[in-house]
């Protein structure tokens, strides 16, 4: 006769077996992939990491569209340029939803731009695009603010007098102040404690996102919510960033501001709230404004700053390329002090180097998951509404079918035989489709102005006695370079 414990084991085994059969049945309707197991799915086969390299290995075994399982939830992975491009652009509206996993729900609160879908997302994104255009994106107004921060950054490097320094913090401050100017209408000094905390908290959050703790929270949210450690630090960072945003909104309301002449994103958004008062379909309110400010910092600061950190590191690692950039800058600009974004058209080699930095640094690695908003098809496979879709952006930037030397830093990827700059279709660091980064043009302007200003003013080299450069990346929501010191030698 079975004991109570024996009966319990039989029941558990039966439930696990039933769940296993359900999973096996579900896999028949989806793209191929590793065999899922009840509760743990297939993440254990990837060491609980959605790293771009793990996903590319899956493609080698199961094809460029395959399925992995987070618990009992299927997740369709797109690998390689053709799969990512077709998956995101063939039916862009169908895959424009955003996955609201437990972690993203905790961070994004289903507000703002990044972590919303449908009507809310469309309204918030439209306001974001309109505000950047209104504030001068693509015009001299915003470009002058970038020049101001590039000047401050150059002064910091010049004050080092060619002695070793870690450029990371100063680069992050400069890029962050561009976002501050856009969102808040003012910049911070390096000594400002709030500003320093803003930078630190953003970094703490990004280090957790995309890693093991993130995935564990998605699998066991109730349990991990109270688990001490990196997750609590990340959630504390979210609360701090929200408090800074609310304080800035409060300051704007207390000071005089013109609805007809907004000076920054907060002004513009508050004006839109006022204009849409009484509209029952409007999602414009202060909670969405707070989260949108958070989104601007999350998406607009770390990505550009990290790319610039890699750019400086690559110039140290490849001094011959650095020399060619400086030679072109000198030839094109002469004695002119001002470098304009339009000048990139006269600097094919420099433009190619900046693009190659973005391709090779590959900082976003895996794109933010999408969600199918209706029943659709991806590369011939039927995909039900509500299915999670994960575009592996790295696989487009490292696709051997698209790039001659994908694992080597090579500006020639963006140059033709005559040395003219060439756009490459597989260059998708900003993603594609309806969810393409709304700050793409701002990021391009920042990278060009910061990079050319530094290259024209300094020669970057390793400190005396240092012979090796760590080119490996630190994994998180973005791929960061390891801390390093360089010497900014005035030219």
Protein backbone atom coordinates (compact mmCIF):
# COMPACT_ATOMS: atom_id res chain seq x y z
CA UNK A 1 0.00 0.00 0.00
CA UNK A 2 1.43 3.38 -0.98
CA UNK A 3 2.25 5.81 1.80
CA UNK A 4 1.08 9.43 1.68
CA UNK A 5 4.57 10.43 0.59
CA UNK A 6 4.49 7.83 -2.18
CA UNK A 7 1.11 9.11 -3.38
CA UNK A 8 2.51 12.63 -3.36
CA UNK A 9 5.48 11.56 -5.50
CA UNK A 10 3.18 9.80 -7.97
CA UNK A 11 1.01 12.94 -8.27
CA UNK A 12 4.03 15.16 -8.80
CA UNK A 13 5.48 12.77 -11.37
CA UNK A 14 2.13 12.61 -13.16
CA UNK A 15 1.83 16.41 -13.29
CA UNK A 16 5.38 16.73 -14.59
CA UNK A 17 4.71 14.08 -17.23
CA UNK A 18 1.48 15.78 -18.33
CA UNK A 19 3.32 19.10 -18.56
CA UNK A 20 6.04 17.38 -20.60
CA UNK A 21 3.47 16.01 -23.05
CA UNK A 22 1.87 19.47 -23.38
CA UNK A 23 5.26 20.99 -24.16
CA UNK A 24 6.01 18.33 -26.75
CA UNK A 25 2.65 18.97 -28.42
CA UNK A 26 3.22 22.73 -28.38
CA UNK A 27 6.65 22.41 -30.03
CA UNK A 28 5.06 20.80 -33.11
CA UNK A 29 3.41 24.11 -34.04
CA UNK A 30 6.52 26.25 -33.61
CA UNK A 31 9.96 26.56 -35.26
CA UNK A 32 12.46 23.83 -34.26
CA UNK A 33 14.59 24.06 -31.15
CA UNK A 34 16.04 22.17 -28.18
CA UNK A 35 13.69 19.86 -26.29
CA UNK A 36 12.01 21.70 -23.38
CA UNK A 37 11.56 20.23 -19.93
CA UNK A 38 8.77 21.07 -17.48
CA UNK A 39 9.34 24.11 -15.22
CA UNK A 40 12.88 24.87 -16.45
CA UNK A 41 12.19 24.87 -20.21
CA UNK A 42 15.45 25.05 -22.19
CA UNK A 43 17.31 27.85 -20.40
CA UNK A 44 19.47 25.37 -18.53
CA UNK A 45 21.01 24.41 -21.87
CA UNK A 46 22.16 28.04 -22.22
CA UNK A 47 23.44 28.41 -18.63
CA UNK A 48 20.42 30.67 -18.02
CA UNK A 49 21.93 33.36 -20.28
CA UNK A 50 20.44 34.91 -23.42
CA UNK A 51 23.92 35.80 -24.68
CA UNK A 52 24.28 36.48 -28.39
CA UNK A 53 26.90 33.75 -28.69
CA UNK A 54 24.59 31.15 -27.09
CA UNK A 55 21.80 32.15 -29.47
CA UNK A 56 24.10 31.92 -32.48
CA UNK A 57 25.12 28.40 -31.42
CA UNK A 58 21.43 27.48 -31.33
CA UNK A 59 21.11 28.65 -34.92
CA UNK A 60 23.91 26.32 -35.98
CA UNK A 61 21.95 23.35 -34.64
CA UNK A 62 18.33 24.36 -35.28
CA UNK A 63 18.31 27.02 -38.01
CA UNK A 64 18.03 30.82 -38.19
CA UNK A 65 14.54 30.75 -36.72
CA UNK A 66 14.23 28.51 -33.70
CA UNK A 67 12.32 28.20 -30.43
CA UNK A 68 13.59 28.18 -26.87
CA UNK A 69 11.46 27.92 -23.73
CA UNK A 70 11.42 30.03 -20.57
CA UNK A 71 9.52 27.68 -18.29
CA UNK A 72 6.41 26.85 -20.30
CA UNK A 73 6.59 30.02 -22.43
CA UNK A 74 7.97 29.68 -25.98
CA UNK A 75 10.35 32.32 -27.32
CA UNK A 76 11.16 32.51 -31.03
CA UNK A 77 14.75 33.53 -31.79
CA UNK A 78 15.78 35.19 -35.05
CA UNK A 79 19.43 34.73 -36.09
CA UNK A 80 21.33 36.12 -39.07
CA UNK A 81 20.65 39.23 -41.13
CA UNK A 82 18.02 37.78 -43.44
CA UNK A 83 16.00 36.24 -40.61
CA UNK A 84 16.17 39.35 -38.41
CA UNK A 85 15.35 41.70 -41.29
CA UNK A 86 12.40 39.66 -42.58
CA UNK A 87 11.15 38.91 -39.08
CA UNK A 88 11.05 42.58 -38.06
CA UNK A 89 10.08 44.26 -41.34
CA UNK A 90 7.94 41.86 -43.38
CA UNK A 91 4.95 42.44 -41.07
CA UNK A 92 6.25 45.22 -38.77
CA UNK A 93 2.88 46.02 -37.17
CA UNK A 94 2.37 42.35 -36.30
CA UNK A 95 5.59 42.22 -34.25
CA UNK A 96 5.47 45.71 -32.70
CA UNK A 97 4.32 44.56 -29.26
CA UNK A 98 6.58 44.63 -26.24
CA UNK A 99 7.05 41.68 -23.95
CA UNK A 100 5.93 42.57 -20.44
CA UNK A 101 7.85 39.89 -18.55
CA UNK A 102 7.92 40.11 -14.75
CA UNK A 103 11.30 41.87 -14.78
CA UNK A 104 10.35 44.40 -17.45
CA UNK A 105 6.99 44.98 -15.75
CA UNK A 106 8.81 45.68 -12.48
CA UNK A 107 11.22 48.08 -14.18
CA UNK A 108 8.93 49.73 -16.73
CA UNK A 109 5.61 49.60 -14.85
CA UNK A 110 3.93 49.30 -18.31
CA UNK A 111 4.41 53.03 -18.82
CA UNK A 112 6.47 55.22 -21.15
CA UNK A 113 8.01 54.20 -24.47
CA UNK A 114 10.25 51.16 -24.09
CA UNK A 115 8.03 48.87 -22.03
CA UNK A 116 4.59 49.49 -23.56
CA UNK A 117 2.60 48.28 -26.55
CA UNK A 118 -0.44 49.25 -28.58
CA UNK A 119 -2.14 52.62 -28.10
CA UNK A 120 -0.03 53.65 -25.09
CA UNK A 121 3.23 52.96 -26.91
CA UNK A 122 2.13 54.68 -30.11
CA UNK A 123 1.17 57.86 -28.25
CA UNK A 124 4.29 57.95 -26.08
CA UNK A 125 6.61 57.23 -29.01
CA UNK A 126 4.90 59.88 -31.14
CA UNK A 127 5.45 62.46 -28.39
CA UNK A 128 9.09 61.40 -28.12
CA UNK A 129 9.67 61.79 -31.86
CA UNK A 130 7.78 65.11 -32.00
CA UNK A 131 9.71 66.54 -29.06
CA UNK A 132 13.12 65.71 -30.56
CA UNK A 133 12.07 67.29 -33.83
CA UNK A 134 10.64 70.33 -32.06
CA UNK A 135 13.82 70.74 -29.99
CA UNK A 136 15.99 70.82 -33.08
CA UNK A 137 17.05 67.28 -33.95
CA UNK A 138 18.70 67.56 -37.34
CA UNK A 139 19.08 71.31 -36.87
CA UNK A 140 21.80 73.51 -35.39
CA UNK A 141 20.06 73.90 -32.00
CA UNK A 142 20.63 70.41 -30.69
CA UNK A 143 23.95 70.08 -32.46
CA UNK A 144 25.26 73.11 -30.56
CA UNK A 145 24.44 71.38 -27.27
CA UNK A 146 26.45 68.34 -28.34
CA UNK A 147 29.35 70.63 -29.25
CA UNK A 148 29.17 72.16 -25.78
CA UNK A 149 29.55 68.77 -24.12
CA UNK A 150 32.31 67.77 -26.55
CA UNK A 151 34.16 70.93 -25.52
CA UNK A 152 33.81 70.09 -21.81
CA UNK A 153 35.06 66.56 -22.46
CA UNK A 154 38.07 67.85 -24.41
CA UNK A 155 38.94 70.20 -21.54
CA UNK A 156 38.88 67.32 -19.05
CA UNK A 157 41.22 65.29 -21.25
CA UNK A 158 43.48 68.31 -21.81
CA UNK A 159 43.76 68.85 -18.05
CA UNK A 160 45.25 65.37 -17.71
CA UNK A 161 48.31 66.71 -19.60
CA UNK A 162 48.91 63.38 -21.28
CA UNK A 163 49.02 61.44 -18.03
CA UNK A 164 47.06 58.18 -17.61
CA UNK A 165 43.34 58.52 -16.94
CA UNK A 166 40.22 56.38 -17.10
CA UNK A 167 38.03 58.13 -19.71
CA UNK A 168 34.86 56.14 -18.98
CA UNK A 169 33.28 58.31 -16.30
CA UNK A 170 34.00 61.52 -18.18
CA UNK A 171 32.53 60.13 -21.42
CA UNK A 172 29.40 58.96 -19.58
CA UNK A 173 29.02 62.42 -18.00
CA UNK A 174 29.32 64.16 -21.36
CA UNK A 175 26.74 61.93 -23.08
CA UNK A 176 24.42 62.06 -20.06
CA UNK A 177 24.51 65.84 -20.12
CA UNK A 178 23.31 65.81 -23.73
CA UNK A 179 20.26 63.85 -22.57
CA UNK A 180 19.88 66.18 -19.59
CA UNK A 181 19.86 69.17 -21.93
CA UNK A 182 17.21 67.52 -24.11
CA UNK A 183 15.01 66.29 -21.26
CA UNK A 184 15.58 68.77 -18.43
CA UNK A 185 16.78 71.84 -20.33
CA UNK A 186 20.02 72.13 -18.34
CA UNK A 187 23.30 70.34 -17.74
CA UNK A 188 24.88 69.17 -14.48
CA UNK A 189 28.39 69.78 -13.20
CA UNK A 190 30.63 66.77 -12.61
CA UNK A 191 30.57 67.51 -8.87
CA UNK A 192 26.78 67.38 -8.59
CA UNK A 193 25.92 64.50 -6.22
CA UNK A 194 22.53 63.86 -7.80
CA UNK A 195 24.11 63.65 -11.23
CA UNK A 196 26.76 61.23 -10.00
CA UNK A 197 24.06 59.05 -8.43
CA UNK A 198 22.06 59.22 -11.65
CA UNK A 199 25.00 57.78 -13.57
CA UNK A 200 25.76 55.12 -10.97
CA UNK A 201 22.16 53.95 -10.60
CA UNK A 202 21.71 53.66 -14.37
CA UNK A 203 24.84 51.53 -14.54
CA UNK A 204 23.67 49.31 -11.64
CA UNK A 205 20.40 48.60 -13.44
CA UNK A 206 22.03 47.83 -16.78
CA UNK A 207 24.46 45.38 -15.20
CA UNK A 208 21.55 43.25 -13.92
CA UNK A 209 19.41 43.40 -17.05
CA UNK A 210 19.94 40.53 -19.47
CA UNK A 211 21.90 38.46 -16.97
CA UNK A 212 21.23 35.49 -14.70
CA UNK A 213 19.42 37.50 -12.01
CA UNK A 214 17.10 38.98 -14.63
CA UNK A 215 16.22 35.52 -15.94
CA UNK A 216 15.73 34.07 -12.45
CA UNK A 217 13.33 36.90 -11.62
CA UNK A 218 11.32 36.17 -14.77
CA UNK A 219 11.03 32.52 -13.74
CA UNK A 220 10.32 33.04 -10.01
CA UNK A 221 9.16 36.65 -9.55
CA UNK A 222 7.42 36.21 -6.18
CA UNK A 223 10.45 34.49 -4.69
CA UNK A 224 13.11 36.75 -6.24
CA UNK A 225 11.24 39.96 -5.33
CA UNK A 226 12.48 39.60 -1.77
CA UNK A 227 15.88 38.09 -2.54
CA UNK A 228 18.70 40.38 -1.36
CA UNK A 229 21.51 41.21 -3.74
CA UNK A 230 21.81 42.64 -7.29
CA UNK A 231 18.05 42.63 -7.96
CA UNK A 232 17.32 44.87 -4.99
CA UNK A 233 20.08 47.21 -6.10
CA UNK A 234 18.54 47.34 -9.60
CA UNK A 235 15.03 48.04 -8.29
CA UNK A 236 16.42 50.71 -5.96
CA UNK A 237 18.02 52.28 -9.02
CA UNK A 238 14.65 52.40 -10.78
CA UNK A 239 13.08 54.15 -7.79
CA UNK A 240 15.91 56.69 -7.67
CA UNK A 241 15.68 57.51 -11.37
CA UNK A 242 11.92 57.99 -11.03
CA UNK A 243 12.41 60.32 -8.06
CA UNK A 244 14.85 62.48 -10.04
CA UNK A 245 12.35 62.66 -12.91
CA UNK A 246 9.50 63.66 -10.59
CA UNK A 247 11.65 66.34 -8.97
CA UNK A 248 12.54 67.84 -12.36
CA UNK A 249 8.86 67.86 -13.38
CA UNK A 250 7.99 69.60 -10.12
CA UNK A 251 10.67 72.24 -10.75
CA UNK A 252 9.35 72.84 -14.26
CA UNK A 253 5.84 73.38 -12.94
CA UNK A 254 7.03 75.83 -10.30
CA UNK A 255 9.01 77.89 -12.79
CA UNK A 256 7.50 79.86 -15.62
CA UNK A 257 7.34 77.96 -18.88
CA UNK A 258 5.63 78.63 -22.18
CA UNK A 259 3.23 76.12 -23.68
CA UNK A 260 3.93 77.61 -27.10
CA UNK A 261 7.72 77.69 -26.77
CA UNK A 262 8.91 74.52 -25.00
CA UNK A 263 12.61 74.46 -24.17
CA UNK A 264 12.98 70.77 -23.35
CA UNK A 265 11.16 67.42 -23.36
CA UNK A 266 9.39 68.04 -20.04
CA UNK A 267 8.06 71.40 -21.28
CA UNK A 268 6.89 69.78 -24.49
CA UNK A 269 5.20 66.86 -22.73
CA UNK A 270 3.45 69.09 -20.15
CA UNK A 271 2.14 71.22 -23.01
CA UNK A 272 0.78 68.12 -24.73
CA UNK A 273 -0.94 67.02 -21.50
CA UNK A 274 -2.65 70.42 -21.31
CA UNK A 275 -3.69 70.33 -24.96
CA UNK A 276 -5.21 66.85 -24.58
CA UNK A 277 -7.17 67.55 -21.40
CA UNK A 278 -10.61 66.03 -21.75
CA UNK A 279 -9.59 63.53 -24.43
CA UNK A 280 -10.64 60.11 -23.08
CA UNK A 281 -8.22 58.32 -25.44
CA UNK A 282 -5.18 60.25 -24.25
CA UNK A 283 -2.48 58.40 -22.31
CA UNK A 284 -0.49 61.59 -21.70
CA UNK A 285 -0.07 61.98 -17.95
CA UNK A 286 2.70 62.47 -15.42
CA UNK A 287 3.24 58.78 -14.72
CA UNK A 288 3.96 58.18 -18.41
CA UNK A 289 6.12 61.31 -18.47
CA UNK A 290 8.20 60.01 -15.54
CA UNK A 291 8.74 56.67 -17.26
CA UNK A 292 9.51 58.32 -20.61
CA UNK A 293 12.25 60.37 -18.92
CA UNK A 294 13.57 57.11 -17.44
CA UNK A 295 13.49 55.57 -20.94
CA UNK A 296 15.45 58.46 -22.46
CA UNK A 297 18.23 57.92 -19.93
CA UNK A 298 18.19 54.16 -20.15
CA UNK A 299 18.29 54.04 -23.95
CA UNK A 300 20.03 57.31 -24.74
CA UNK A 301 22.88 57.51 -22.27
CA UNK A 302 24.40 54.08 -21.84
CA UNK A 303 24.36 53.02 -25.48
CA UNK A 304 26.11 56.11 -26.87
CA UNK A 305 28.54 56.39 -23.95
CA UNK A 306 29.49 52.72 -24.20
CA UNK A 307 30.05 53.02 -27.95
CA UNK A 308 32.35 56.01 -27.35
CA UNK A 309 34.28 54.08 -24.69
CA UNK A 310 34.86 51.29 -27.22
CA UNK A 311 35.81 53.87 -29.88
CA UNK A 312 38.63 55.27 -27.76
CA UNK A 313 39.80 51.77 -26.86
CA UNK A 314 39.87 50.69 -30.52
CA UNK A 315 41.90 53.76 -31.50
CA UNK A 316 44.50 52.78 -28.89
CA UNK A 317 44.45 49.18 -30.10
CA UNK A 318 44.73 50.18 -33.78
CA UNK A 319 47.04 53.24 -33.94
CA UNK A 320 47.36 53.00 -37.72
CA UNK A 321 43.60 53.49 -38.06
CA UNK A 322 43.72 56.37 -35.58
CA UNK A 323 46.43 57.99 -37.71
CA UNK A 324 44.38 57.67 -40.90
CA UNK A 325 41.37 59.30 -39.20
CA UNK A 326 43.51 62.21 -38.01
CA UNK A 327 45.06 62.64 -41.46
CA UNK A 328 41.59 62.86 -43.06
CA UNK A 329 40.34 65.29 -40.41
CA UNK A 330 43.34 67.58 -40.97
CA UNK A 331 42.97 67.45 -44.74
CA UNK A 332 39.23 68.19 -44.79
CA UNK A 333 38.92 70.70 -41.96
CA UNK A 334 42.23 72.53 -42.21
CA UNK A 335 42.35 75.33 -39.63
CA UNK A 336 38.59 75.39 -39.11
CA UNK A 337 37.68 75.02 -35.43
CA UNK A 338 34.10 73.84 -35.92
CA UNK A 339 33.19 70.29 -36.90
CA UNK A 340 29.62 69.94 -38.18
CA UNK A 341 27.60 66.77 -38.55
CA UNK A 342 27.31 67.53 -42.27
CA UNK A 343 31.11 67.20 -42.53
CA UNK A 344 30.76 63.42 -42.33
CA UNK A 345 29.88 63.43 -46.03
CA UNK A 346 33.39 64.74 -46.76
CA UNK A 347 35.07 62.21 -44.46
CA UNK A 348 34.36 58.71 -45.79
CA UNK A 349 37.13 57.00 -43.84
CA UNK A 350 36.23 58.62 -40.50
CA UNK A 351 32.56 57.84 -41.10
CA UNK A 352 33.48 54.23 -41.89
CA UNK A 353 35.51 53.93 -38.68
CA UNK A 354 32.59 55.19 -36.56
CA UNK A 355 30.25 52.69 -38.22
CA UNK A 356 32.77 49.89 -37.73
CA UNK A 357 33.05 50.79 -34.04
CA UNK A 358 29.28 50.31 -33.73
CA UNK A 359 29.36 47.06 -35.67
CA UNK A 360 32.36 45.51 -33.94
CA UNK A 361 31.55 46.72 -30.40
CA UNK A 362 28.09 45.27 -30.90
CA UNK A 363 26.96 46.75 -27.59
CA UNK A 364 23.23 45.94 -27.62
CA UNK A 365 23.98 42.33 -28.58
CA UNK A 366 20.47 40.89 -28.28
CA UNK A 367 17.55 43.15 -29.08
CA UNK A 368 14.76 43.80 -26.59
CA UNK A 369 12.08 41.09 -27.02
CA UNK A 370 9.06 41.83 -29.22
CA UNK A 371 5.56 40.39 -28.92
CA UNK A 372 3.29 39.41 -31.79
CA UNK A 373 0.17 41.59 -31.65
CA UNK A 374 -1.87 39.21 -33.83
CA UNK A 375 -1.63 35.80 -35.46
CA UNK A 376 1.05 36.14 -38.12
CA UNK A 377 3.84 34.26 -39.91
CA UNK A 378 7.61 34.50 -39.52
CA UNK A 379 9.79 33.00 -42.24
CA UNK A 380 6.97 30.61 -43.17
CA UNK A 381 6.15 29.49 -39.62
CA UNK A 382 2.73 30.32 -38.11
CA UNK A 383 3.12 32.46 -35.00
CA UNK A 384 0.14 32.89 -32.65
CA UNK A 385 -0.77 36.23 -31.12
CA UNK A 386 1.15 36.90 -27.90
CA UNK A 387 4.27 34.97 -28.90
CA UNK A 388 7.62 36.36 -27.73
CA UNK A 389 10.10 37.16 -30.52
CA UNK A 390 13.78 37.76 -29.80
CA UNK A 391 15.89 39.33 -32.58
CA UNK A 392 19.58 38.54 -32.11
CA UNK A 393 21.01 41.82 -33.43
CA UNK A 394 24.58 40.59 -32.96
CA UNK A 395 23.97 37.88 -35.51
CA UNK A 396 23.37 40.55 -38.17
CA UNK A 397 26.54 42.47 -37.29
CA UNK A 398 28.62 39.28 -37.22
CA UNK A 399 26.95 37.48 -40.13
CA UNK A 400 29.71 35.93 -42.25
CA UNK A 401 27.43 36.07 -45.29
CA UNK A 402 27.25 39.87 -45.02
CA UNK A 403 30.68 40.93 -43.71
CA UNK A 404 34.04 40.01 -45.20
CA UNK A 405 35.84 39.77 -41.83
CA UNK A 406 33.06 39.79 -39.21
CA UNK A 407 35.34 38.97 -36.25
CA UNK A 408 37.96 41.58 -37.11
CA UNK A 409 37.87 45.38 -36.77
CA UNK A 410 37.86 46.50 -40.39
CA UNK A 411 36.64 49.96 -41.52
CA UNK A 412 36.81 48.63 -45.08
CA UNK A 413 33.44 47.02 -44.45
CA UNK A 414 31.96 50.48 -45.13
CA UNK A 415 34.18 51.58 -48.03
CA UNK A 416 34.10 50.73 -51.72
CA UNK A 417 37.15 50.19 -53.93
CA UNK A 418 37.47 53.95 -54.48
CA UNK A 419 37.37 54.77 -50.78
CA UNK A 420 33.81 56.10 -50.82
CA UNK A 421 31.55 55.46 -47.85
CA UNK A 422 28.99 52.68 -48.40
CA UNK A 423 25.88 52.04 -46.31
CA UNK A 424 25.43 48.34 -45.52
CA UNK A 425 21.96 46.87 -45.25
CA UNK A 426 23.08 44.44 -42.55
CA UNK A 427 24.15 47.32 -40.29
CA UNK A 428 21.33 47.17 -37.74
CA UNK A 429 22.67 48.38 -34.37
CA UNK A 430 19.48 50.42 -33.89
CA UNK A 431 17.22 47.46 -34.72
CA UNK A 432 14.54 47.64 -37.46
CA UNK A 433 10.82 47.83 -38.06
CA UNK A 434 8.33 49.83 -36.01
CA UNK A 435 10.46 49.51 -32.86
CA UNK A 436 13.61 51.00 -34.39
CA UNK A 437 15.39 53.29 -31.89
CA UNK A 438 13.69 56.71 -31.94
CA UNK A 439 16.96 58.37 -30.86
CA UNK A 440 18.99 56.93 -33.75
CA UNK A 441 19.71 60.29 -35.38
CA UNK A 442 20.65 61.89 -32.05
CA UNK A 443 23.04 59.02 -31.34
CA UNK A 444 24.63 59.32 -34.78
CA UNK A 445 25.20 63.07 -34.27
CA UNK A 446 26.72 62.53 -30.83
CA UNK A 447 29.07 59.79 -31.99
CA UNK A 448 30.35 61.79 -34.94
CA UNK A 449 30.86 65.06 -33.05
CA UNK A 450 32.39 63.52 -29.93
CA UNK A 451 34.65 61.18 -31.90
CA UNK A 452 35.95 63.74 -34.40
CA UNK A 453 36.48 66.36 -31.69
CA UNK A 454 38.62 63.97 -29.66
CA UNK A 455 40.52 62.58 -32.66
CA UNK A 456 41.34 66.06 -33.88
CA UNK A 457 42.56 67.23 -30.49
CA UNK A 458 44.38 64.20 -29.07
CA UNK A 459 46.31 61.09 -29.92
CA UNK A 460 45.26 58.23 -27.66
CA UNK A 461 47.83 55.69 -26.52
CA UNK A 462 48.53 53.23 -23.73
CA UNK A 463 50.27 54.41 -20.56
CA UNK A 464 53.98 53.69 -20.42
CA UNK A 465 54.70 50.11 -19.47
CA UNK A 466 51.22 48.81 -20.40
CA UNK A 467 51.41 46.46 -23.35
CA UNK A 468 48.13 44.54 -23.39
CA UNK A 469 44.55 45.68 -23.96
CA UNK A 470 41.60 43.68 -22.65
CA UNK A 471 39.21 43.57 -25.59
CA UNK A 472 36.70 41.25 -23.89
CA UNK A 473 33.32 42.67 -22.88
CA UNK A 474 31.37 42.70 -19.62
CA UNK A 475 27.90 41.26 -20.18
CA UNK A 476 24.70 43.06 -19.18
CA UNK A 477 21.92 44.79 -21.09
CA UNK A 478 24.84 46.29 -23.02
CA UNK A 479 28.32 44.87 -23.63
CA UNK A 480 30.74 47.09 -21.71
CA UNK A 481 34.52 47.31 -22.06
CA UNK A 482 36.57 46.46 -18.99
CA UNK A 483 37.90 49.53 -17.15
CA UNK A 484 41.04 50.90 -18.79
CA UNK A 485 43.48 53.81 -18.59
CA UNK A 486 44.76 55.72 -21.60
CA UNK A 487 46.89 58.79 -22.24
CA UNK A 488 45.27 61.65 -24.20
CA UNK A 489 48.33 63.28 -25.73
CA UNK A 490 47.57 66.74 -27.19
CA UNK A 491 48.32 66.97 -30.90
